[in-house]
Structures are given as structure tokens and as C-alpha cells.
Amino acid sequence: MKSPRARLLESTGKFAVVGIVNNIVGYAIFAVLSLLGTPAIPAMAVSYCTGMVISYFGNRSFTFKHEGKSGPAILRFLVVNAAGFTLNAALLWFFVDVARMPQLLVQLFAIACVATLTYTLMRLWVFHESKVQPEASNA
């Protein structure tokens, strides 16, 4: 059986894999929309919604191996993503609209902030019922 630390490291690594795929796709959508002249927050909204689909299925089945009921997990997932979306929008609003920084650069920073928040909440709340399969014993 894996130690709690080993399980934490494993889930962090798997979350990173799902997150990298999710954020490459999401940032590509954000970049294309930005280059086409879409303002920062609407571009983020489209990319964020796409990323939510990738994130839910990737993290539920791969990262956390969640075996609990999907209904409550989806509701918690939506709450966490509402918080992530709000943080992302606030960062874009402040740094792009108020501080006049480039939206492509700001979104890279926002991705890191949102990933930290969502990983923590997903691990501790959204998929907390996950069951780790015990490893086969050699005894």
C-alpha cells in the first residue's frame, strides 16, 4: 500500500499531466481568439469552458480515480471551477484592463494561479472520496 506522501506525489504528477494537456488546448484557444481581437475575458470564458470538460474527465478518472457518485462530484467541480473562473477573470481584469499589460502574458500567469487553487480544492473536496486500490502483496 502506498504511503500518503506517495499518493500525494502521484496525484500531483497526474494532475500536472492533465493540466498540461488542458492548458495547452485552453491557451491555444485563448491565443487564437486574442489574436482575432477578442477581449481578454470573453476569450478566457471560451477557453475555460473547454478546459473544464478536459479537466473533469481527466481528473476524475486518471488523477484521482474517483469512484464516488458523479452527481455530487460534478456539483463540487462546478463550484471549484466557478472560483477558478472568478480568479482568472479578476486577474485579467486587473492586469489587462487596469494595468494595461498584454493579455497573452497575463493569462500565462493566471493559469498558474488558477491551477494551484483548483488542484487544492479538487484534491481536498471535489474528488475526496477517491479510493486508492491497494497494491498486490508479495507475501
Foldseek 3Di string as FASTA:
>chain_A
DDDPVVLVVQLVVQLVVLLVVLVVQLLVQLVVCVVVPHQQLVSNVVSLVVSLVSNVVSCCCPRQNFDDDVVQLVVLSVVLSVVLSVQLVVQCCCCCVPVVDDSSVSNVVSSVVSSVSSSVCCCVPNRVRGDDDDDDDPD
